[in-house]
Amino acid sequence: MKIDRRVLINFDWAIPLLILALCVVGLVNLYSACSNVGNGNTTALYLKQLYWIGLGLVAMLLCFAVDYRLIIRYSYILYGISVALLALLFIYGEITHGSQRWLVLGGFSFQPSELVKLTMILALTKYIDERNVGTAFSLPALLGPFLIVMLPALLILKQPDLGTALFLVLLFVSMILFAGIRMRAFVEMCVAGLALLPALWFIMKDYQRERLIMLLNPERDPLGAGYHIIQSIIAVGSGGLLGKGYLKGTQSQLKFLPEQQTDFVFSVFAEEWGFVGVVFVLMLFLVLILWSLNIGRRARDFSGVLLVFGATMIFFWGVFINIGMILGILPVVGIPLPFMSYGGSCLVVLMMAAGLLMNVSMRRFVLKS
């Protein structure tokens, strides 16, 4: 595999440096979030996350090294493999906390639903680039992209994992709106979406409905369904301006905060580092997202623009939904905070997306098509 010298000369250092900064903050925060677990689990989780960061960096370099145009060319195959892995879950998947989300092969476990986020973006990029040259989407033309997103979304919904299924829908809507859609088709799509909401309510599990109800009034069940939101809001609010100090957050150290190494990891950070720390991390995310969008603005072809936008939306929606969850303005749907929440599958896929961003950024200097 040969890499053009101009690609290496114009290496985009901003993306990996921003991501490493977020990962370091995440590691430091993860140690605090798990420091009260005991029995060596703190070190185990900390080292496991460090291991995943190393594996993610390798995946990032691989996604950077292969020309993104070649990756897009084979995107339907990659998408098909990821959907097949989702289907395998119902045969070989490991059931954890009532959900069948983990595929274990040879002692290695991962979530295919995380990989689907990226392969779906690749498949949509290829489809839109080939079928929507200079024209806005009409409603019939949306059938292809709709099938691309709904097949994995339905499989994920069956696990059940409503949060990730809705995440895929958000990625789909974002890319379609960015690519261009006729006003009539947009209105019809919104009407269809609103019409499907009652059906979605009835197919949701009881605990999922309860989470939505708790969003409006968490005090209705403070020791049950509303417990997560209430404890998270207390943790964030108690951090004040400068925070309580590292390893001194009462909500996390006294085990009041649930899922504090994954879904509510940022609540731990907000309590210990306060408003100043929160602003610092959010600025890192903001710079990462804006820098990524600027890469898309400078991309040399439309497929590069679409790919960059889709990858950036994975970052954006992950941050938006997770922060909304911990502040109690969005329902708890199990979406981790990019680069900071514990979890290997999500972290590796995020770094693969970052590798594709670097890929597009560097190859704008390659003149030949």
Protein backbone atom coordinates (compact mmCIF):
# COMPACT_ATOMS: atom_id res chain seq x y z
CA MET A 1 0.00 0.00 0.00
CA LYS A 2 1.61 3.22 -1.20
CA ILE A 3 0.85 6.60 0.33
CA ASP A 4 1.50 9.74 -1.70
CA ARG A 5 4.32 11.82 -0.16
CA ARG A 6 2.17 14.95 -0.32
CA VAL A 7 -0.34 13.31 2.00
CA LEU A 8 2.28 12.82 4.71
CA ILE A 9 3.76 16.31 4.26
CA ASN A 10 0.33 17.89 4.82
CA PHE A 11 -0.64 15.63 7.72
CA ASP A 12 -3.50 17.16 9.72
CA TRP A 13 -2.26 17.14 13.32
CA ALA A 14 -5.29 18.93 14.76
CA ILE A 15 -7.66 15.92 14.66
CA PRO A 16 -5.41 13.38 16.46
CA LEU A 17 -4.23 15.98 19.00
CA LEU A 18 -7.79 17.00 19.88
CA ILE A 19 -8.86 13.38 20.19
CA LEU A 20 -5.86 12.44 22.33
CA ALA A 21 -6.61 15.41 24.59
CA LEU A 22 -10.20 14.19 25.06
CA CYS A 23 -8.99 10.63 25.65
CA VAL A 24 -6.52 11.77 28.32
CA VAL A 25 -9.23 13.78 30.08
CA GLY A 26 -11.47 10.73 29.79
CA LEU A 27 -8.86 8.41 31.30
CA VAL A 28 -8.25 10.73 34.25
CA ASN A 29 -11.98 11.06 34.81
CA LEU A 30 -12.58 7.33 34.39
CA TYR A 31 -10.10 6.56 37.17
CA SER A 32 -12.06 8.82 39.50
CA ALA A 33 -15.42 7.44 38.35
CA CYS A 34 -14.32 3.89 39.20
CA SER A 35 -12.10 4.60 42.21
CA ASN A 36 -14.78 3.49 44.64
CA VAL A 37 -15.41 0.14 42.99
CA GLY A 38 -12.67 -1.78 44.76
CA ASN A 39 -11.38 -5.31 44.13
CA GLY A 40 -8.95 -4.06 41.49
CA ASN A 41 -11.69 -3.10 39.05
CA THR A 42 -10.47 0.50 38.95
CA THR A 43 -7.13 -0.52 37.50
CA ALA A 44 -8.79 -3.07 35.23
CA LEU A 45 -11.17 -0.55 33.67
CA TYR A 46 -8.47 2.10 33.43
CA LEU A 47 -6.04 -0.26 31.69
CA LYS A 48 -8.76 -1.68 29.45
CA GLN A 49 -9.64 1.81 28.26
CA LEU A 50 -5.95 2.50 27.64
CA TYR A 51 -5.79 -0.70 25.62
CA TRP A 52 -8.81 0.36 23.56
CA ILE A 53 -7.24 3.77 22.92
CA GLY A 54 -4.15 2.01 21.53
CA LEU A 55 -6.28 -0.25 19.34
CA GLY A 56 -8.31 2.77 18.23
CA LEU A 57 -5.16 4.63 17.16
CA VAL A 58 -4.18 1.65 15.00
CA ALA A 59 -7.66 1.63 13.45
CA MET A 60 -7.41 5.38 12.88
CA LEU A 61 -4.13 5.00 11.01
CA LEU A 62 -5.56 2.21 8.85
CA CYS A 63 -8.57 4.35 7.92
CA PHE A 64 -6.19 7.19 7.14
CA ALA A 65 -3.82 5.10 5.02
CA VAL A 66 -6.37 3.70 2.55
CA ASP A 67 -7.69 6.25 0.03
CA TYR A 68 -11.22 7.19 1.12
CA ARG A 69 -12.44 6.90 -2.47
CA LEU A 70 -11.48 3.22 -2.42
CA ILE A 71 -13.24 2.75 0.94
CA ILE A 72 -16.41 4.39 -0.45
CA ARG A 73 -16.22 2.15 -3.54
CA TYR A 74 -16.56 -0.92 -1.31
CA SER A 75 -18.89 0.71 1.22
CA TYR A 76 -21.90 -1.47 0.37
CA ILE A 77 -19.83 -4.57 1.16
CA LEU A 78 -18.67 -3.09 4.47
CA TYR A 79 -22.25 -2.10 5.26
CA GLY A 80 -23.49 -5.60 4.43
CA ILE A 81 -20.89 -7.18 6.72
CA SER A 82 -21.89 -4.94 9.63
CA VAL A 83 -25.60 -5.70 9.13
CA ALA A 84 -24.79 -9.43 8.96
CA LEU A 85 -22.97 -9.09 12.30
CA LEU A 86 -26.11 -7.46 13.73
CA ALA A 87 -28.17 -10.42 12.55
CA LEU A 88 -25.66 -12.85 14.11
CA LEU A 89 -26.42 -11.31 17.50
CA PHE A 90 -29.75 -13.16 17.61
CA ILE A 91 -27.88 -16.46 17.31
CA TYR A 92 -24.59 -15.92 19.13
CA GLY A 93 -25.16 -12.64 20.95
CA GLU A 94 -24.47 -12.32 24.66
CA ILE A 95 -27.42 -11.10 26.76
CA THR A 96 -26.46 -8.39 29.27
CA HIS A 97 -28.97 -6.41 31.36
CA GLY A 98 -31.80 -7.80 29.26
CA SER A 99 -30.32 -6.69 25.91
CA GLN A 100 -28.61 -8.80 23.26
CA ARG A 101 -26.00 -6.31 22.00
CA TRP A 102 -22.61 -8.00 22.38
CA LEU A 103 -21.06 -10.43 19.91
CA VAL A 104 -18.33 -12.62 21.39
CA LEU A 105 -15.89 -14.22 18.96
CA GLY A 106 -12.74 -15.92 20.18
CA GLY A 107 -12.84 -14.22 23.56
CA PHE A 108 -13.21 -10.81 21.91
CA SER A 109 -16.50 -8.97 22.43
CA PHE A 110 -17.81 -5.92 20.61
CA GLN A 111 -21.05 -4.16 19.66
CA PRO A 112 -21.87 -4.40 15.94
CA SER A 113 -24.33 -1.51 16.37
CA GLU A 114 -21.37 0.85 16.87
CA LEU A 115 -19.73 -0.30 13.64
CA VAL A 116 -23.02 0.15 11.76
CA LYS A 117 -22.96 3.89 12.53
CA LEU A 118 -19.86 4.28 10.39
CA THR A 119 -20.66 1.78 7.62
CA MET A 120 -24.13 3.30 7.23
CA ILE A 121 -22.50 6.71 6.72
CA LEU A 122 -20.25 5.18 4.06
CA ALA A 123 -23.20 3.50 2.31
CA LEU A 124 -25.27 6.70 2.36
CA THR A 125 -22.29 8.65 1.01
CA LYS A 126 -21.94 6.28 -1.94
CA TYR A 127 -25.69 6.24 -2.64
CA ILE A 128 -26.17 10.02 -2.44
CA ASP A 129 -23.03 10.74 -4.47
CA GLU A 130 -24.15 8.41 -7.27
CA ARG A 131 -27.91 9.13 -7.33
CA ASN A 132 -28.28 12.75 -6.32
CA VAL A 133 -25.93 14.65 -8.60
CA GLY A 134 -26.86 18.33 -8.30
CA THR A 135 -30.53 17.67 -7.48
CA ALA A 136 -32.54 17.75 -4.24
CA PHE A 137 -34.22 14.55 -3.08
CA SER A 138 -37.86 13.95 -3.88
CA LEU A 139 -39.86 11.63 -1.62
CA PRO A 140 -39.66 8.57 -3.96
CA ALA A 141 -35.89 9.09 -4.29
CA LEU A 142 -35.57 8.73 -0.51
CA LEU A 143 -36.60 5.06 -0.64
CA GLY A 144 -33.03 3.84 -1.16
CA PRO A 145 -31.46 5.81 1.71
CA PHE A 146 -34.48 4.97 3.89
CA LEU A 147 -33.90 1.24 3.41
CA ILE A 148 -30.19 1.67 4.17
CA VAL A 149 -30.97 3.12 7.59
CA MET A 150 -34.09 1.14 8.49
CA LEU A 151 -32.60 -2.34 8.05
CA PRO A 152 -29.98 -1.96 10.79
CA ALA A 153 -32.26 0.31 12.86
CA LEU A 154 -34.94 -2.40 13.08
CA LEU A 155 -32.36 -5.04 14.00
CA ILE A 156 -30.99 -2.78 16.72
CA LEU A 157 -34.49 -1.98 17.95
CA LYS A 158 -35.06 -5.70 18.34
CA GLN A 159 -32.08 -6.10 20.74
CA PRO A 160 -33.65 -3.86 22.25
CA ASP A 161 -31.62 -0.64 21.92
CA LEU A 162 -33.92 2.28 21.17
CA GLY A 163 -31.20 4.91 21.72
CA THR A 164 -28.83 3.59 19.04
CA ALA A 165 -31.70 2.99 16.60
CA LEU A 166 -32.79 6.62 16.97
CA PHE A 167 -29.14 7.68 16.65
CA LEU A 168 -29.02 6.04 13.20
CA VAL A 169 -32.20 7.88 12.22
CA LEU A 170 -30.64 11.19 13.30
CA LEU A 171 -27.56 10.47 11.19
CA PHE A 172 -29.80 9.64 8.22
CA VAL A 173 -31.89 12.81 8.56
CA SER A 174 -28.77 14.95 8.98
CA MET A 175 -27.18 13.61 5.80
CA ILE A 176 -30.36 13.88 3.74
CA LEU A 177 -30.94 17.49 4.81
CA PHE A 178 -27.31 18.31 4.08
CA ALA A 179 -27.44 16.68 0.64
CA GLY A 180 -30.64 18.58 -0.20
CA ILE A 181 -34.32 17.70 -0.09
CA ARG A 182 -37.29 19.31 -1.80
CA MET A 183 -39.56 21.28 0.49
CA ARG A 184 -42.57 19.14 -0.33
CA ALA A 185 -40.62 15.97 0.40
CA PHE A 186 -39.38 17.48 3.67
CA VAL A 187 -42.91 18.32 4.80
CA GLU A 188 -44.17 14.87 3.81
CA MET A 189 -41.27 13.23 5.68
CA CYS A 190 -42.08 15.25 8.82
CA VAL A 191 -45.77 14.36 8.62
CA ALA A 192 -44.90 10.67 8.18
CA GLY A 193 -42.54 10.83 11.15
CA LEU A 194 -45.20 12.41 13.37
CA ALA A 195 -47.73 9.82 12.25
CA LEU A 196 -45.37 7.02 13.27
CA LEU A 197 -44.83 8.37 16.79
CA PRO A 198 -47.93 6.65 18.27
CA ALA A 199 -46.80 3.34 16.76
CA LEU A 200 -43.33 3.84 18.23
CA TRP A 201 -44.88 4.39 21.64
CA PHE A 202 -46.69 1.05 21.52
CA ILE A 203 -43.66 -0.96 20.38
CA MET A 204 -41.45 0.51 23.10
CA LYS A 205 -40.70 -1.54 26.19
CA ASP A 206 -42.29 -0.49 29.49
CA TYR A 207 -39.01 0.83 30.90
CA GLN A 208 -38.46 2.92 27.74
CA ARG A 209 -41.87 4.55 28.09
CA GLU A 210 -41.12 5.19 31.76
CA ARG A 211 -37.91 7.01 30.85
CA LEU A 212 -39.81 9.41 28.61
CA ILE A 213 -42.38 10.07 31.33
CA MET A 214 -39.60 10.64 33.89
CA LEU A 215 -38.10 13.29 31.62
CA LEU A 216 -41.11 15.51 32.33
CA ASN A 217 -41.31 14.72 36.03
CA PRO A 218 -38.39 12.72 37.50
CA GLU A 219 -39.68 13.39 41.03
CA ARG A 220 -42.62 11.11 40.22
CA ASP A 221 -40.40 8.11 40.99
CA PRO A 222 -37.22 9.47 42.67
CA LEU A 223 -35.96 6.05 43.79
CA GLY A 224 -36.86 4.23 40.59
CA ALA A 225 -37.07 5.42 37.00
CA GLY A 226 -36.27 9.04 37.89
CA TYR A 227 -33.23 8.16 40.00
CA HIS A 228 -30.65 8.48 37.19
CA ILE A 229 -31.75 11.96 36.13
CA ILE A 230 -32.09 13.31 39.67
CA GLN A 231 -28.65 12.12 40.82
CA SER A 232 -27.02 13.39 37.63
CA ILE A 233 -28.54 16.87 38.02
CA ILE A 234 -27.41 16.95 41.66
CA ALA A 235 -23.86 15.99 40.63
CA VAL A 236 -23.64 18.62 37.88
CA GLY A 237 -25.15 21.36 40.03
CA SER A 238 -23.00 20.62 43.09
CA GLY A 239 -19.82 21.13 41.04
CA GLY A 240 -20.32 24.90 41.10
CA LEU A 241 -17.73 27.12 39.43
CA LEU A 242 -14.49 25.26 40.20
CA GLY A 243 -15.76 21.83 41.27
CA LYS A 244 -15.23 19.79 44.42
CA GLY A 245 -11.79 18.58 43.41
CA TYR A 246 -10.37 15.45 41.81
CA LEU A 247 -11.53 12.25 43.55
CA LYS A 248 -13.71 14.35 45.85
CA GLY A 249 -17.08 14.20 44.11
CA THR A 250 -19.59 12.97 46.66
CA GLN A 251 -22.18 11.73 44.18
CA SER A 252 -19.68 9.47 42.44
CA GLN A 253 -17.45 8.50 45.36
CA LEU A 254 -20.43 7.57 47.53
CA LYS A 255 -22.00 5.60 44.65
CA PHE A 256 -25.15 7.70 44.31
CA LEU A 257 -24.56 8.20 40.59
CA PRO A 258 -25.45 5.14 38.44
CA GLU A 259 -23.56 4.07 35.30
CA GLN A 260 -20.92 6.64 36.16
CA GLN A 261 -18.23 5.06 33.98
CA THR A 262 -20.39 5.04 30.83
CA ASP A 263 -23.60 7.04 30.33
CA PHE A 264 -23.04 9.48 33.22
CA VAL A 265 -19.28 9.83 33.09
CA PHE A 266 -19.59 13.56 32.36
CA SER A 267 -21.64 14.05 35.52
CA VAL A 268 -18.61 12.82 37.47
CA PHE A 269 -16.40 15.28 35.61
CA ALA A 270 -18.78 18.21 36.12
CA GLU A 271 -18.98 17.57 39.86
CA GLU A 272 -15.22 17.40 40.33
CA TRP A 273 -14.09 20.11 37.89
CA GLY A 274 -17.06 22.45 37.94
CA PHE A 275 -18.23 24.93 35.33
CA VAL A 276 -14.67 25.81 34.30
CA GLY A 277 -13.80 22.18 33.57
CA VAL A 278 -17.05 21.64 31.70
CA VAL A 279 -16.42 24.67 29.48
CA PHE A 280 -12.89 23.42 28.75
CA VAL A 281 -14.08 19.99 27.58
CA LEU A 282 -17.00 21.40 25.61
CA MET A 283 -14.58 23.76 23.87
CA LEU A 284 -12.45 20.76 22.88
CA PHE A 285 -15.53 19.11 21.38
CA LEU A 286 -16.56 22.35 19.66
CA VAL A 287 -13.13 22.83 18.08
CA LEU A 288 -13.12 19.18 16.95
CA ILE A 289 -16.54 19.52 15.31
CA LEU A 290 -15.79 22.88 13.67
CA TRP A 291 -12.40 21.68 12.45
CA SER A 292 -14.03 18.58 11.00
CA LEU A 293 -16.69 20.64 9.20
CA ASN A 294 -13.93 22.83 7.78
CA ILE A 295 -12.27 19.71 6.38
CA GLY A 296 -15.52 18.99 4.55
CA ARG A 297 -15.65 22.54 3.22
CA ARG A 298 -12.22 22.09 1.66
CA ALA A 299 -12.73 18.53 0.37
CA ARG A 300 -11.92 18.04 -3.30
CA ASP A 301 -15.05 16.04 -4.24
CA PHE A 302 -18.67 15.69 -3.17
CA SER A 303 -18.18 12.19 -1.77
CA GLY A 304 -15.47 13.56 0.52
CA VAL A 305 -17.79 16.34 1.66
CA LEU A 306 -20.57 13.85 2.46
CA LEU A 307 -18.24 11.46 4.25
CA VAL A 308 -16.78 14.22 6.43
CA PHE A 309 -20.21 15.59 7.30
CA GLY A 310 -21.53 12.15 8.26
CA ALA A 311 -18.48 11.35 10.41
CA THR A 312 -18.76 14.75 12.11
CA MET A 313 -22.42 14.10 12.90
CA ILE A 314 -21.39 10.95 14.78
CA PHE A 315 -19.34 13.21 17.07
CA PHE A 316 -21.97 15.94 17.27
CA TRP A 317 -25.00 13.80 18.08
CA GLY A 318 -23.01 11.73 20.58
CA VAL A 319 -22.02 14.86 22.52
CA PHE A 320 -25.43 16.53 22.16
CA ILE A 321 -27.46 13.53 23.33
CA ASN A 322 -25.16 12.53 26.19
CA ILE A 323 -24.94 16.07 27.60
CA GLY A 324 -28.71 16.41 27.21
CA MET A 325 -29.15 13.17 29.18
CA ILE A 326 -27.02 14.22 32.14
CA LEU A 327 -28.76 17.61 32.32
CA GLY A 328 -32.21 16.02 32.29
CA ILE A 329 -33.38 17.72 29.08
CA LEU A 330 -33.29 14.49 27.02
CA PRO A 331 -34.39 10.97 28.03
CA VAL A 332 -31.80 8.46 29.20
CA VAL A 333 -31.17 6.39 26.07
CA GLY A 334 -27.72 4.93 26.74
CA ILE A 335 -25.65 7.01 24.32
CA PRO A 336 -22.01 7.29 25.57
CA LEU A 337 -19.97 10.50 25.53
CA PRO A 338 -17.44 10.31 22.65
CA PHE A 339 -13.84 9.56 23.73
CA MET A 340 -14.65 9.87 27.45
CA SER A 341 -17.14 7.12 28.31
CA TYR A 342 -15.78 3.65 29.01
CA GLY A 343 -16.30 1.25 26.13
CA GLY A 344 -14.09 -0.22 23.43
CA SER A 345 -16.46 -0.68 20.50
CA CYS A 346 -17.62 2.92 20.54
CA LEU A 347 -14.10 4.32 21.02
CA VAL A 348 -12.56 2.33 18.17
CA VAL A 349 -15.35 3.30 15.75
CA LEU A 350 -15.02 6.97 16.73
CA MET A 351 -11.31 6.82 16.01
CA MET A 352 -11.98 5.14 12.68
CA ALA A 353 -14.28 8.05 11.85
CA ALA A 354 -11.48 10.43 12.84
CA GLY A 355 -9.12 8.53 10.54
CA LEU A 356 -11.53 9.09 7.64
CA LEU A 357 -11.60 12.81 8.43
CA MET A 358 -7.81 12.94 8.26
CA ASN A 359 -7.98 10.86 5.08
CA VAL A 360 -10.16 13.42 3.30
CA SER A 361 -8.19 16.34 4.71
CA MET A 362 -4.83 15.09 3.46
CA ARG A 363 -5.91 13.82 0.06
CA ARG A 364 -7.16 17.18 -1.10
CA PHE A 365 -3.50 17.84 -1.88
CA VAL A 366 -3.33 14.91 -4.27
CA LEU A 367 -4.07 16.39 -7.68
CA LYS A 368 -4.74 13.32 -9.78
CA SER A 369 -8.17 11.73 -9.64
